[in-house]
Amino acid sequence: MSTYSMTRTRWRLSGAGVLLALSAVSLWPSYASAPVSDPVVAVEEDWELVVNDPNDNVISPQFQTIMSPTPDASGYYAQTLWNYRETPDFQPGGVQLQSYLGESLVRTRSVEHRILSTSAETITWTQALQTDGETLTFSVVNGQSTTWGDFGKDMTISYTAKVQTLNDYDPEYSASNACVTYGSNRVQSLTLKEVRYFGAGGVLLAVDSTPHSASY
């Protein structure tokens, strides 16, 4: 079932799949807008990470996903850190939601979980972005993992962004900025499986079932 209620690190992938320091100037590829003309007020992304052989002794793998209302990092956007938390101090395991305005960290929210430790497990989750014209809200919901069990029941972060619609959202931006930050040899795949676009009142406007693979 879809959910209509609605989550940077020091390195990020460029559109060419090259890790760049955030302080450096990078050139982003061109992105398309949402595949509908109606006002989009919510977007859901279904993600899948397939782990081959994690190592809990060195907290590996660690990965991140990003979701933004626009195909750039100059405005508000959300980042999720997986299998580690970095603010205010590094903590192994768990998940940390972060909201940014450009280079500035606005707020964080951490969820404690065990360190990933199950070989050949598949982790699935939905991350969602929603706007009411005033508040931009990011959530992680419907998560399933062998190590973590069911997760995403209270993983939400919001900020006042005054974003009217999400029609400038593009899934390729999410996919090109998702990456395994540590232990890529322990990951088989990181894939954006499906994207759903919603209008006012939760009306489903479009579904993109084309897989978007993250480079790592």
N, C-alpha and C. Protein backbone atom coordinates (compact mmCIF):
# COMPACT_ATOMS: atom_id res chain seq x y z
N MET A 1 0.85 -1.19 0.00
CA MET A 1 0.00 0.00 0.00
C MET A 1 0.88 1.23 0.00
N SER A 2 0.51 2.21 -0.80
CA SER A 2 1.26 3.45 -0.83
C SER A 2 1.01 4.26 0.42
N THR A 3 2.00 5.05 0.80
CA THR A 3 1.80 5.95 1.93
C THR A 3 1.85 7.38 1.43
N TYR A 4 0.86 8.15 1.76
CA TYR A 4 0.82 9.54 1.31
C TYR A 4 1.38 10.45 2.39
N SER A 5 1.30 10.02 3.67
CA SER A 5 1.95 10.78 4.71
C SER A 5 3.44 10.54 4.60
N MET A 6 4.02 11.45 4.84
CA MET A 6 5.43 11.26 4.66
C MET A 6 6.01 10.71 6.00
N THR A 7 13.00 11.38 4.83
CA THR A 7 13.51 11.54 5.39
C THR A 7 13.40 12.16 4.08
N ARG A 8 24.13 14.33 3.63
CA ARG A 8 25.08 14.80 2.96
C ARG A 8 26.16 14.26 3.71
N THR A 9 26.65 14.06 3.22
CA THR A 9 27.81 13.67 3.96
C THR A 9 28.98 14.38 3.35
N ARG A 10 30.16 14.10 3.74
CA ARG A 10 31.29 14.86 3.25
C ARG A 10 31.63 14.54 1.81
N TRP A 11 31.07 13.48 1.28
CA TRP A 11 31.32 13.09 -0.10
C TRP A 11 30.00 12.83 -0.81
N ARG A 12 29.99 13.07 -2.12
CA ARG A 12 28.77 12.81 -2.88
C ARG A 12 29.15 12.38 -4.29
N LEU A 13 28.30 11.56 -4.90
CA LEU A 13 28.55 11.14 -6.27
C LEU A 13 28.09 12.21 -7.24
N SER A 14 28.92 12.50 -8.21
CA SER A 14 28.50 13.37 -9.31
C SER A 14 27.71 12.53 -10.29
N GLY A 15 27.12 13.18 -11.27
CA GLY A 15 26.35 12.45 -12.28
C GLY A 15 27.21 11.46 -13.05
N ALA A 16 28.53 11.68 -13.08
CA ALA A 16 29.42 10.78 -13.79
C ALA A 16 29.86 9.61 -12.92
N GLY A 17 29.35 9.54 -11.68
CA GLY A 17 29.69 8.45 -10.79
C GLY A 17 31.02 8.64 -10.10
N VAL A 18 31.50 9.89 -10.02
CA VAL A 18 32.78 10.18 -9.38
C VAL A 18 32.53 10.86 -8.05
N LEU A 19 33.20 10.38 -6.99
CA LEU A 19 33.04 11.00 -5.68
C LEU A 19 33.71 12.35 -5.67
N LEU A 20 32.96 13.36 -5.24
CA LEU A 20 33.48 14.72 -5.17
C LEU A 20 33.32 15.24 -3.75
N ALA A 21 34.28 16.01 -3.30
CA ALA A 21 34.14 16.68 -2.01
C ALA A 21 33.04 17.72 -2.13
N LEU A 22 32.21 17.85 -1.10
CA LEU A 22 31.09 18.77 -1.17
C LEU A 22 31.54 20.22 -1.29
N SER A 23 32.72 20.52 -0.81
CA SER A 23 33.21 21.89 -0.89
C SER A 23 33.67 22.25 -2.29
N ALA A 24 33.84 21.24 -3.16
CA ALA A 24 34.30 21.51 -4.51
C ALA A 24 33.13 21.90 -5.39
N VAL A 25 33.42 22.61 -6.47
CA VAL A 25 32.40 22.98 -7.44
C VAL A 25 32.22 21.80 -8.39
N SER A 26 30.98 21.35 -8.55
CA SER A 26 30.74 20.22 -9.44
C SER A 26 29.70 20.58 -10.47
N LEU A 27 29.76 19.93 -11.63
CA LEU A 27 28.81 20.15 -12.70
C LEU A 27 27.82 19.00 -12.69
N TRP A 28 26.53 19.32 -12.55
CA TRP A 28 25.50 18.29 -12.49
C TRP A 28 24.91 18.07 -13.87
N PRO A 29 24.48 16.86 -14.16
CA PRO A 29 23.86 16.58 -15.45
C PRO A 29 22.48 17.22 -15.55
N SER A 30 21.93 17.23 -16.74
CA SER A 30 20.59 17.77 -16.94
C SER A 30 19.57 16.73 -16.51
N TYR A 31 18.50 17.17 -15.87
CA TYR A 31 17.47 16.26 -15.38
C TYR A 31 16.12 16.68 -15.93
N ALA A 32 15.24 15.73 -16.00
CA ALA A 32 13.88 16.01 -16.46
C ALA A 32 12.99 16.29 -15.27
N SER A 33 11.90 16.98 -15.52
CA SER A 33 10.93 17.24 -14.46
C SER A 33 9.99 16.05 -14.35
N ALA A 34 9.06 16.13 -13.38
CA ALA A 34 8.10 15.05 -13.17
C ALA A 34 7.30 14.80 -14.45
N PRO A 35 6.92 13.54 -14.71
CA PRO A 35 6.26 13.18 -15.97
C PRO A 35 4.78 13.51 -16.01
N VAL A 36 4.34 14.53 -15.30
CA VAL A 36 2.94 14.94 -15.29
C VAL A 36 2.88 16.47 -15.27
N SER A 37 1.78 17.02 -15.78
CA SER A 37 1.60 18.47 -15.76
C SER A 37 0.82 18.94 -14.54
N ASP A 38 0.07 18.02 -13.91
CA ASP A 38 -0.67 18.37 -12.70
C ASP A 38 0.30 18.69 -11.57
N PRO A 39 -0.11 19.51 -10.61
CA PRO A 39 0.75 19.80 -9.46
C PRO A 39 1.05 18.53 -8.66
N VAL A 40 2.33 18.24 -8.47
CA VAL A 40 2.77 17.09 -7.68
C VAL A 40 3.08 17.58 -6.27
N VAL A 41 2.45 16.98 -5.26
CA VAL A 41 2.68 17.40 -3.89
C VAL A 41 3.33 16.31 -3.04
N ALA A 42 3.48 15.11 -3.59
CA ALA A 42 4.14 14.04 -2.86
C ALA A 42 4.78 13.07 -3.85
N VAL A 43 5.95 12.57 -3.47
CA VAL A 43 6.65 11.58 -4.29
C VAL A 43 7.14 10.47 -3.38
N GLU A 44 6.99 9.23 -3.82
CA GLU A 44 7.49 8.07 -3.08
C GLU A 44 8.51 7.32 -3.92
N GLU A 45 9.60 6.91 -3.29
CA GLU A 45 10.63 6.10 -3.93
C GLU A 45 10.74 4.76 -3.22
N ASP A 46 10.69 3.66 -3.96
CA ASP A 46 10.94 2.33 -3.41
C ASP A 46 12.39 1.94 -3.69
N TRP A 47 13.13 1.62 -2.62
CA TRP A 47 14.55 1.30 -2.73
C TRP A 47 14.84 -0.13 -2.31
N GLU A 48 15.95 -0.66 -2.87
CA GLU A 48 16.41 -1.99 -2.49
C GLU A 48 17.93 -2.02 -2.43
N LEU A 49 18.47 -2.51 -1.32
CA LEU A 49 19.91 -2.76 -1.18
C LEU A 49 20.11 -4.24 -0.96
N VAL A 50 20.97 -4.86 -1.78
CA VAL A 50 21.30 -6.27 -1.62
C VAL A 50 22.72 -6.36 -1.08
N VAL A 51 22.86 -6.91 0.12
CA VAL A 51 24.16 -7.06 0.77
C VAL A 51 24.67 -8.46 0.50
N ASN A 52 25.98 -8.57 0.17
CA ASN A 52 26.51 -9.92 -0.01
C ASN A 52 27.16 -10.44 1.26
N ASP A 53 28.12 -9.70 1.83
CA ASP A 53 28.82 -10.20 3.01
C ASP A 53 29.22 -9.05 3.92
N PRO A 54 28.33 -8.59 4.80
CA PRO A 54 28.66 -7.46 5.67
C PRO A 54 29.70 -7.85 6.73
N ASN A 55 30.36 -6.85 7.28
CA ASN A 55 31.34 -7.07 8.35
C ASN A 55 31.01 -6.12 9.49
N ASP A 56 30.38 -6.66 10.53
CA ASP A 56 29.97 -5.80 11.63
C ASP A 56 31.15 -5.34 12.48
N ASN A 57 32.31 -5.97 12.35
CA ASN A 57 33.47 -5.55 13.13
C ASN A 57 34.00 -4.19 12.67
N VAL A 58 33.82 -3.88 11.38
CA VAL A 58 34.28 -2.59 10.85
C VAL A 58 33.11 -1.74 10.35
N ILE A 59 31.90 -2.12 10.74
CA ILE A 59 30.67 -1.40 10.36
C ILE A 59 30.62 -1.20 8.86
N SER A 60 30.60 -2.29 8.13
CA SER A 60 30.61 -2.24 6.67
C SER A 60 29.55 -3.19 6.12
N PRO A 61 28.72 -2.72 5.16
CA PRO A 61 28.85 -1.46 4.43
C PRO A 61 28.14 -0.30 5.11
N GLN A 62 28.47 0.91 4.65
CA GLN A 62 27.75 2.12 5.01
C GLN A 62 27.31 2.78 3.70
N PHE A 63 26.11 3.30 3.68
CA PHE A 63 25.64 3.92 2.44
C PHE A 63 24.72 5.10 2.74
N GLN A 64 24.42 5.88 1.70
CA GLN A 64 23.58 7.06 1.87
C GLN A 64 22.62 7.21 0.70
N THR A 65 21.48 7.82 0.96
CA THR A 65 20.54 8.19 -0.10
C THR A 65 20.15 9.65 0.09
N ILE A 66 19.78 10.29 -1.01
CA ILE A 66 19.39 11.71 -1.00
C ILE A 66 18.09 11.86 -1.75
N MET A 67 17.23 12.72 -1.26
CA MET A 67 15.98 13.02 -1.96
C MET A 67 15.75 14.52 -1.91
N SER A 68 15.49 15.11 -3.08
CA SER A 68 15.40 16.56 -3.19
C SER A 68 14.20 16.96 -4.05
N PRO A 69 13.56 18.09 -3.74
CA PRO A 69 12.46 18.56 -4.59
C PRO A 69 12.94 19.12 -5.92
N THR A 70 14.25 19.38 -6.04
CA THR A 70 14.84 19.90 -7.28
C THR A 70 16.11 19.11 -7.59
N PRO A 71 16.54 19.10 -8.84
CA PRO A 71 17.74 18.33 -9.21
C PRO A 71 19.04 19.08 -8.94
N ASP A 72 19.17 19.61 -7.73
CA ASP A 72 20.41 20.23 -7.31
C ASP A 72 20.40 20.31 -5.79
N ALA A 73 21.54 20.71 -5.22
CA ALA A 73 21.66 20.75 -3.76
C ALA A 73 21.76 22.18 -3.24
N SER A 74 21.21 23.14 -3.98
CA SER A 74 21.28 24.53 -3.55
C SER A 74 20.17 24.90 -2.58
N GLY A 75 19.06 24.15 -2.62
CA GLY A 75 17.94 24.44 -1.73
C GLY A 75 17.82 23.40 -0.64
N TYR A 76 16.60 23.17 -0.17
CA TYR A 76 16.35 22.16 0.86
C TYR A 76 16.37 20.76 0.25
N TYR A 77 16.95 19.81 0.97
CA TYR A 77 16.91 18.41 0.57
C TYR A 77 17.17 17.55 1.80
N ALA A 78 16.91 16.27 1.66
CA ALA A 78 17.09 15.33 2.77
C ALA A 78 18.12 14.29 2.40
N GLN A 79 18.91 13.89 3.38
CA GLN A 79 19.90 12.83 3.22
C GLN A 79 19.68 11.80 4.32
N THR A 80 19.84 10.53 3.97
CA THR A 80 19.74 9.45 4.95
C THR A 80 21.05 8.69 4.98
N LEU A 81 21.58 8.51 6.18
CA LEU A 81 22.79 7.72 6.39
C LEU A 81 22.37 6.35 6.92
N TRP A 82 22.89 5.30 6.31
CA TRP A 82 22.48 3.94 6.63
C TRP A 82 23.63 3.14 7.23
N ASN A 83 23.36 2.49 8.34
CA ASN A 83 24.30 1.66 9.09
C ASN A 83 25.35 2.49 9.82
N TYR A 84 25.12 3.79 9.94
CA TYR A 84 25.95 4.66 10.77
C TYR A 84 25.24 5.98 10.99
N ARG A 85 25.66 6.69 12.01
CA ARG A 85 25.19 8.04 12.30
C ARG A 85 26.42 8.90 12.55
N GLU A 86 26.47 10.11 11.99
CA GLU A 86 27.69 10.89 12.04
C GLU A 86 27.58 12.19 12.84
N THR A 87 26.38 12.60 13.23
CA THR A 87 26.19 13.86 13.92
C THR A 87 25.41 13.65 15.21
N PRO A 88 25.89 14.16 16.36
CA PRO A 88 27.07 15.03 16.52
C PRO A 88 28.38 14.26 16.51
N ASP A 89 28.35 12.96 16.78
CA ASP A 89 29.53 12.12 16.75
C ASP A 89 29.21 10.82 16.02
N PHE A 90 30.24 10.19 15.47
CA PHE A 90 30.05 8.94 14.76
C PHE A 90 29.56 7.85 15.71
N GLN A 91 28.49 7.16 15.27
CA GLN A 91 27.95 6.03 16.01
C GLN A 91 27.71 4.90 15.02
N PRO A 92 28.12 3.68 15.33
CA PRO A 92 27.93 2.57 14.40
C PRO A 92 26.48 2.09 14.37
N GLY A 93 26.07 1.61 13.19
CA GLY A 93 24.74 1.05 13.06
C GLY A 93 23.66 2.11 12.98
N GLY A 94 22.46 1.65 12.78
CA GLY A 94 21.31 2.55 12.79
C GLY A 94 21.18 3.39 11.53
N VAL A 95 20.30 4.37 11.61
CA VAL A 95 19.98 5.25 10.49
C VAL A 95 19.91 6.67 11.01
N GLN A 96 20.40 7.63 10.23
CA GLN A 96 20.26 9.04 10.60
C GLN A 96 19.66 9.82 9.44
N LEU A 97 18.57 10.52 9.72
CA LEU A 97 17.95 11.41 8.75
C LEU A 97 18.54 12.81 8.95
N GLN A 98 18.89 13.47 7.84
CA GLN A 98 19.45 14.82 7.91
C GLN A 98 18.73 15.71 6.91
N SER A 99 18.41 16.94 7.31
CA SER A 99 17.86 17.91 6.38
C SER A 99 18.88 19.03 6.19
N TYR A 100 19.03 19.45 4.93
CA TYR A 100 20.01 20.47 4.57
C TYR A 100 19.36 21.61 3.81
N LEU A 101 19.94 22.79 3.96
CA LEU A 101 19.67 23.93 3.09
C LEU A 101 21.01 24.29 2.47
N GLY A 102 21.22 23.84 1.23
CA GLY A 102 22.52 24.01 0.60
C GLY A 102 23.57 23.25 1.39
N GLU A 103 24.62 23.97 1.83
CA GLU A 103 25.70 23.37 2.59
C GLU A 103 25.40 23.28 4.08
N SER A 104 24.31 23.88 4.52
CA SER A 104 24.03 23.99 5.95
C SER A 104 23.12 22.87 6.44
N LEU A 105 23.58 22.17 7.47
CA LEU A 105 22.76 21.15 8.12
C LEU A 105 21.71 21.84 8.98
N VAL A 106 20.45 21.53 8.72
CA VAL A 106 19.34 22.18 9.42
C VAL A 106 18.97 21.40 10.68
N ARG A 107 18.79 20.08 10.53
CA ARG A 107 18.44 19.25 11.68
C ARG A 107 18.73 17.80 11.37
N THR A 108 18.75 16.99 12.42
CA THR A 108 18.98 15.55 12.26
C THR A 108 17.99 14.78 13.11
N ARG A 109 17.83 13.51 12.74
CA ARG A 109 17.03 12.61 13.55
C ARG A 109 17.62 11.22 13.42
N SER A 110 17.95 10.60 14.53
CA SER A 110 18.62 9.30 14.51
C SER A 110 17.69 8.21 15.00
N VAL A 111 17.86 7.03 14.41
CA VAL A 111 17.13 5.84 14.81
C VAL A 111 18.16 4.76 15.11
N GLU A 112 18.14 4.24 16.32
CA GLU A 112 19.11 3.22 16.71
C GLU A 112 18.69 1.85 16.20
N HIS A 113 19.62 1.19 15.54
CA HIS A 113 19.44 -0.18 15.08
C HIS A 113 20.76 -0.91 15.22
N ARG A 114 20.72 -2.21 15.16
CA ARG A 114 21.96 -2.98 15.18
C ARG A 114 22.79 -2.72 13.93
N ILE A 115 24.06 -3.07 14.00
CA ILE A 115 24.94 -3.00 12.84
C ILE A 115 24.56 -4.12 11.87
N LEU A 116 24.50 -3.82 10.59
CA LEU A 116 24.17 -4.85 9.60
C LEU A 116 25.14 -6.02 9.72
N SER A 117 24.59 -7.22 9.81
CA SER A 117 25.45 -8.38 10.08
C SER A 117 24.99 -9.65 9.39
N THR A 118 23.93 -9.60 8.59
CA THR A 118 23.39 -10.80 7.97
C THR A 118 23.86 -10.92 6.53
N SER A 119 24.51 -12.00 6.19
CA SER A 119 24.97 -12.22 4.82
C SER A 119 23.80 -12.46 3.88
N ALA A 120 23.97 -11.98 2.66
CA ALA A 120 22.99 -12.20 1.58
C ALA A 120 21.59 -11.72 1.95
N GLU A 121 21.50 -10.62 2.67
CA GLU A 121 20.17 -10.09 2.98
C GLU A 121 19.80 -8.95 2.04
N THR A 122 18.51 -8.80 1.84
CA THR A 122 17.96 -7.72 1.02
C THR A 122 17.21 -6.75 1.92
N ILE A 123 17.57 -5.48 1.83
CA ILE A 123 16.92 -4.43 2.62
C ILE A 123 16.04 -3.61 1.69
N THR A 124 14.78 -3.46 2.02
CA THR A 124 13.87 -2.66 1.20
C THR A 124 13.22 -1.59 2.06
N TRP A 125 12.91 -0.46 1.45
CA TRP A 125 12.24 0.62 2.15
C TRP A 125 11.66 1.60 1.14
N THR A 126 10.76 2.43 1.61
CA THR A 126 10.20 3.53 0.82
C THR A 126 10.61 4.83 1.47
N GLN A 127 11.11 5.77 0.66
CA GLN A 127 11.35 7.11 1.18
C GLN A 127 10.46 8.08 0.42
N ALA A 128 9.92 9.05 1.14
CA ALA A 128 8.87 9.90 0.59
C ALA A 128 9.12 11.36 0.90
N LEU A 129 8.75 12.20 -0.05
CA LEU A 129 8.86 13.65 0.10
C LEU A 129 7.48 14.24 -0.15
N GLN A 130 7.06 15.17 0.73
CA GLN A 130 5.73 15.76 0.61
C GLN A 130 5.80 17.23 0.96
N THR A 131 5.02 18.05 0.26
CA THR A 131 4.93 19.46 0.59
C THR A 131 3.47 19.89 0.69
N ASP A 132 3.22 20.80 1.62
CA ASP A 132 1.89 21.42 1.70
C ASP A 132 1.97 22.88 1.28
N GLY A 133 3.07 23.26 0.65
CA GLY A 133 3.29 24.64 0.23
C GLY A 133 4.09 25.43 1.24
N GLU A 134 4.09 24.97 2.48
CA GLU A 134 4.82 25.63 3.56
C GLU A 134 5.91 24.71 4.11
N THR A 135 5.52 23.50 4.49
CA THR A 135 6.43 22.54 5.11
C THR A 135 6.78 21.42 4.15
N LEU A 136 8.08 21.12 4.07
CA LEU A 136 8.57 20.01 3.27
C LEU A 136 8.92 18.88 4.24
N THR A 137 8.34 17.72 4.02
CA THR A 137 8.50 16.59 4.95
C THR A 137 9.09 15.39 4.24
N PHE A 138 10.09 14.78 4.87
CA PHE A 138 10.72 13.58 4.34
C PHE A 138 10.54 12.44 5.32
N SER A 139 10.24 11.25 4.81
CA SER A 139 10.02 10.09 5.68
C SER A 139 10.63 8.83 5.08
N VAL A 140 11.00 7.92 5.95
CA VAL A 140 11.34 6.56 5.56
C VAL A 140 10.27 5.66 6.17
N VAL A 141 9.63 4.84 5.33
CA VAL A 141 8.54 3.98 5.80
C VAL A 141 8.68 2.60 5.17
N ASN A 142 7.91 1.66 5.71
CA ASN A 142 7.79 0.31 5.14
C ASN A 142 9.13 -0.38 4.95
N GLY A 143 10.06 -0.18 5.90
CA GLY A 143 11.36 -0.81 5.80
C GLY A 143 11.34 -2.26 6.25
N GLN A 144 12.09 -3.10 5.56
CA GLN A 144 12.21 -4.52 5.94
C GLN A 144 13.66 -4.96 5.78
N SER A 145 14.17 -5.64 6.80
CA SER A 145 15.55 -6.10 6.80
C SER A 145 15.65 -7.31 7.72
N THR A 146 16.51 -8.26 7.38
CA THR A 146 16.72 -9.41 8.26
C THR A 146 17.35 -8.95 9.56
N THR A 147 18.37 -8.10 9.48
CA THR A 147 19.05 -7.61 10.68
C THR A 147 18.17 -6.67 11.48
N TRP A 148 17.52 -5.74 10.80
CA TRP A 148 16.76 -4.69 11.48
C TRP A 148 15.29 -5.03 11.66
N GLY A 149 14.80 -6.05 11.00
CA GLY A 149 13.37 -6.34 11.07
C GLY A 149 12.57 -5.28 10.34
N ASP A 150 11.33 -5.07 10.78
CA ASP A 150 10.50 -4.00 10.21
C ASP A 150 10.93 -2.66 10.79
N PHE A 151 11.12 -1.66 9.94
CA PHE A 151 11.50 -0.34 10.44
C PHE A 151 10.81 0.73 9.60
N GLY A 152 10.87 1.98 10.09
CA GLY A 152 10.26 3.10 9.38
C GLY A 152 8.91 3.51 9.91
N LYS A 153 8.63 3.19 11.16
CA LYS A 153 7.33 3.56 11.72
C LYS A 153 7.32 4.99 12.26
N ASP A 154 8.48 5.54 12.56
CA ASP A 154 8.54 6.90 13.09
C ASP A 154 9.85 7.55 12.65
N MET A 155 10.06 7.60 11.33
CA MET A 155 11.29 8.15 10.77
C MET A 155 10.93 9.30 9.83
N THR A 156 10.70 10.47 10.41
CA THR A 156 10.24 11.63 9.66
C THR A 156 11.02 12.86 10.08
N ILE A 157 11.32 13.72 9.11
CA ILE A 157 11.99 14.99 9.40
C ILE A 157 11.37 16.06 8.51
N SER A 158 11.06 17.23 9.09
CA SER A 158 10.37 18.29 8.37
C SER A 158 11.10 19.62 8.53
N TYR A 159 10.86 20.53 7.59
CA TYR A 159 11.43 21.86 7.66
C TYR A 159 10.59 22.81 6.82
N THR A 160 10.61 24.08 7.20
CA THR A 160 9.86 25.10 6.49
C THR A 160 10.63 25.50 5.24
N ALA A 161 10.14 25.11 4.09
CA ALA A 161 10.85 25.34 2.85
C ALA A 161 10.07 26.18 1.85
N LYS A 162 8.76 26.27 2.05
CA LYS A 162 7.88 27.03 1.16
C LYS A 162 8.01 26.56 -0.30
N VAL A 163 8.10 25.26 -0.47
CA VAL A 163 8.11 24.65 -1.80
C VAL A 163 6.67 24.36 -2.20
N GLN A 164 6.23 24.93 -3.31
CA GLN A 164 4.83 24.82 -3.68
C GLN A 164 4.47 23.46 -4.28
N THR A 165 5.32 22.95 -5.16
CA THR A 165 5.07 21.64 -5.78
C THR A 165 6.40 20.88 -5.90
N LEU A 166 6.29 19.60 -6.23
CA LEU A 166 7.46 18.75 -6.44
C LEU A 166 7.63 18.38 -7.90
N ASN A 167 7.13 19.20 -8.80
CA ASN A 167 7.21 18.90 -10.22
C ASN A 167 8.63 18.94 -10.77
N ASP A 168 9.57 19.57 -10.05
CA ASP A 168 10.96 19.59 -10.49
C ASP A 168 11.76 18.40 -9.98
N TYR A 169 11.15 17.57 -9.16
CA TYR A 169 11.82 16.35 -8.69
C TYR A 169 12.18 15.46 -9.87
N ASP A 170 13.35 14.78 -9.79
CA ASP A 170 13.72 13.81 -10.82
C ASP A 170 14.39 12.60 -10.18
N PRO A 171 13.95 11.39 -10.52
CA PRO A 171 14.52 10.19 -9.89
C PRO A 171 15.98 9.97 -10.23
N GLU A 172 16.44 10.43 -11.39
CA GLU A 172 17.84 10.25 -11.75
C GLU A 172 18.76 11.01 -10.79
N TYR A 173 18.27 12.11 -10.25
CA TYR A 173 19.08 12.84 -9.28
C TYR A 173 19.22 12.02 -8.00
N SER A 174 18.13 11.40 -7.57
CA SER A 174 18.20 10.54 -6.39
C SER A 174 19.16 9.37 -6.63
N ALA A 175 19.04 8.74 -7.79
CA ALA A 175 19.87 7.57 -8.07
C ALA A 175 21.35 7.93 -8.22
N SER A 176 21.65 9.06 -8.87
CA SER A 176 23.04 9.42 -9.10
C SER A 176 23.73 9.93 -7.84
N ASN A 177 22.94 10.30 -6.82
CA ASN A 177 23.53 10.78 -5.58
C ASN A 177 23.44 9.77 -4.44
N ALA A 178 22.88 8.59 -4.72
CA ALA A 178 22.93 7.50 -3.74
C ALA A 178 24.26 6.78 -3.92
N CYS A 179 24.89 6.42 -2.82
CA CYS A 179 26.18 5.74 -2.97
C CYS A 179 26.52 4.95 -1.71
N VAL A 180 27.39 3.97 -1.90
CA VAL A 180 27.97 3.23 -0.78
C VAL A 180 29.21 3.99 -0.36
N THR A 181 29.20 4.58 0.81
CA THR A 181 30.30 5.42 1.25
C THR A 181 31.46 4.63 1.83
N TYR A 182 31.19 3.37 2.21
CA TYR A 182 32.24 2.52 2.77
C TYR A 182 31.84 1.07 2.58
N GLY A 183 32.77 0.27 2.03
CA GLY A 183 32.51 -1.16 1.88
C GLY A 183 31.70 -1.51 0.66
N SER A 184 31.97 -0.86 -0.48
CA SER A 184 31.19 -1.15 -1.69
C SER A 184 31.36 -2.60 -2.14
N ASN A 185 32.48 -3.23 -1.79
CA ASN A 185 32.68 -4.64 -2.15
C ASN A 185 31.73 -5.57 -1.41
N ARG A 186 31.05 -5.06 -0.41
CA ARG A 186 30.11 -5.86 0.37
C ARG A 186 28.66 -5.66 -0.07
N VAL A 187 28.47 -4.90 -1.14
CA VAL A 187 27.13 -4.62 -1.65
C VAL A 187 27.00 -5.16 -3.07
N GLN A 188 25.95 -5.89 -3.31
CA GLN A 188 25.69 -6.41 -4.66
C GLN A 188 24.99 -5.39 -5.52
N SER A 189 24.03 -4.64 -4.94
CA SER A 189 23.30 -3.63 -5.73
C SER A 189 22.59 -2.66 -4.80
N LEU A 190 22.42 -1.44 -5.29
CA LEU A 190 21.63 -0.40 -4.63
C LEU A 190 20.76 0.21 -5.71
N THR A 191 19.45 -0.01 -5.63
CA THR A 191 18.56 0.30 -6.75
C THR A 191 17.31 1.04 -6.32
N LEU A 192 16.98 2.09 -7.05
CA LEU A 192 15.69 2.76 -6.94
C LEU A 192 14.73 2.00 -7.84
N LYS A 193 13.81 1.27 -7.26
CA LYS A 193 12.98 0.32 -8.00
C LYS A 193 11.75 0.95 -8.64
N GLU A 194 11.10 1.88 -7.93
CA GLU A 194 9.86 2.47 -8.45
C GLU A 194 9.64 3.84 -7.82
N VAL A 195 9.03 4.73 -8.61
CA VAL A 195 8.69 6.08 -8.14
C VAL A 195 7.22 6.34 -8.40
N ARG A 196 6.52 6.89 -7.40
CA ARG A 196 5.11 7.24 -7.54
C ARG A 196 4.91 8.73 -7.27
N TYR A 197 4.09 9.36 -8.10
CA TYR A 197 3.81 10.79 -8.01
C TYR A 197 2.36 11.00 -7.59
N PHE A 198 2.14 11.86 -6.60
CA PHE A 198 0.79 12.10 -6.08
C PHE A 198 0.41 13.57 -6.19
N GLY A 199 -0.89 13.80 -6.43
CA GLY A 199 -1.44 15.14 -6.42
C GLY A 199 -2.19 15.40 -5.14
N ALA A 200 -2.90 16.50 -5.10
CA ALA A 200 -3.68 16.88 -3.92
C ALA A 200 -4.67 15.78 -3.57
N GLY A 201 -4.86 15.56 -2.28
CA GLY A 201 -5.79 14.55 -1.82
C GLY A 201 -5.29 13.14 -1.96
N GLY A 202 -4.01 12.97 -2.26
CA GLY A 202 -3.44 11.63 -2.38
C GLY A 202 -3.73 10.94 -3.69
N VAL A 203 -4.14 11.70 -4.70
CA VAL A 203 -4.45 11.11 -6.00
C VAL A 203 -3.16 10.67 -6.69
N LEU A 204 -3.08 9.41 -7.09
CA LEU A 204 -1.92 8.89 -7.79
C LEU A 204 -1.92 9.42 -9.22
N LEU A 205 -0.87 10.16 -9.58
CA LEU A 205 -0.80 10.78 -10.91
C LEU A 205 0.01 9.97 -11.90
N ALA A 206 1.10 9.33 -11.43
CA ALA A 206 1.96 8.59 -12.34
C ALA A 206 2.81 7.62 -11.56
N VAL A 207 3.23 6.54 -12.25
CA VAL A 207 4.12 5.54 -11.66
C VAL A 207 5.27 5.31 -12.64
N ASP A 208 6.51 5.38 -12.15
CA ASP A 208 7.70 5.08 -12.94
C ASP A 208 8.31 3.80 -12.40
N SER A 209 8.17 2.71 -13.12
CA SER A 209 8.67 1.42 -12.68
C SER A 209 10.02 1.06 -13.30
N THR A 210 10.67 2.05 -13.91
CA THR A 210 11.98 1.81 -14.51
C THR A 210 13.04 1.77 -13.39
N PRO A 211 13.81 0.68 -13.26
CA PRO A 211 14.84 0.64 -12.22
C PRO A 211 15.93 1.67 -12.50
N HIS A 212 16.37 2.36 -11.44
CA HIS A 212 17.46 3.33 -11.53
C HIS A 212 18.56 2.84 -10.59
N SER A 213 19.66 2.34 -11.17
CA SER A 213 20.74 1.79 -10.35
C SER A 213 21.69 2.88 -9.90
N ALA A 214 22.05 2.83 -8.62
CA ALA A 214 23.04 3.77 -8.09
C ALA A 214 24.43 3.29 -8.45
N SER A 215 25.33 4.22 -8.74
CA SER A 215 26.73 3.87 -8.99
C SER A 215 27.50 3.90 -7.69
N TYR A 216 28.41 2.96 -7.52
CA TYR A 216 29.21 2.94 -6.30
C TYR A 216 30.52 2.22 -6.53
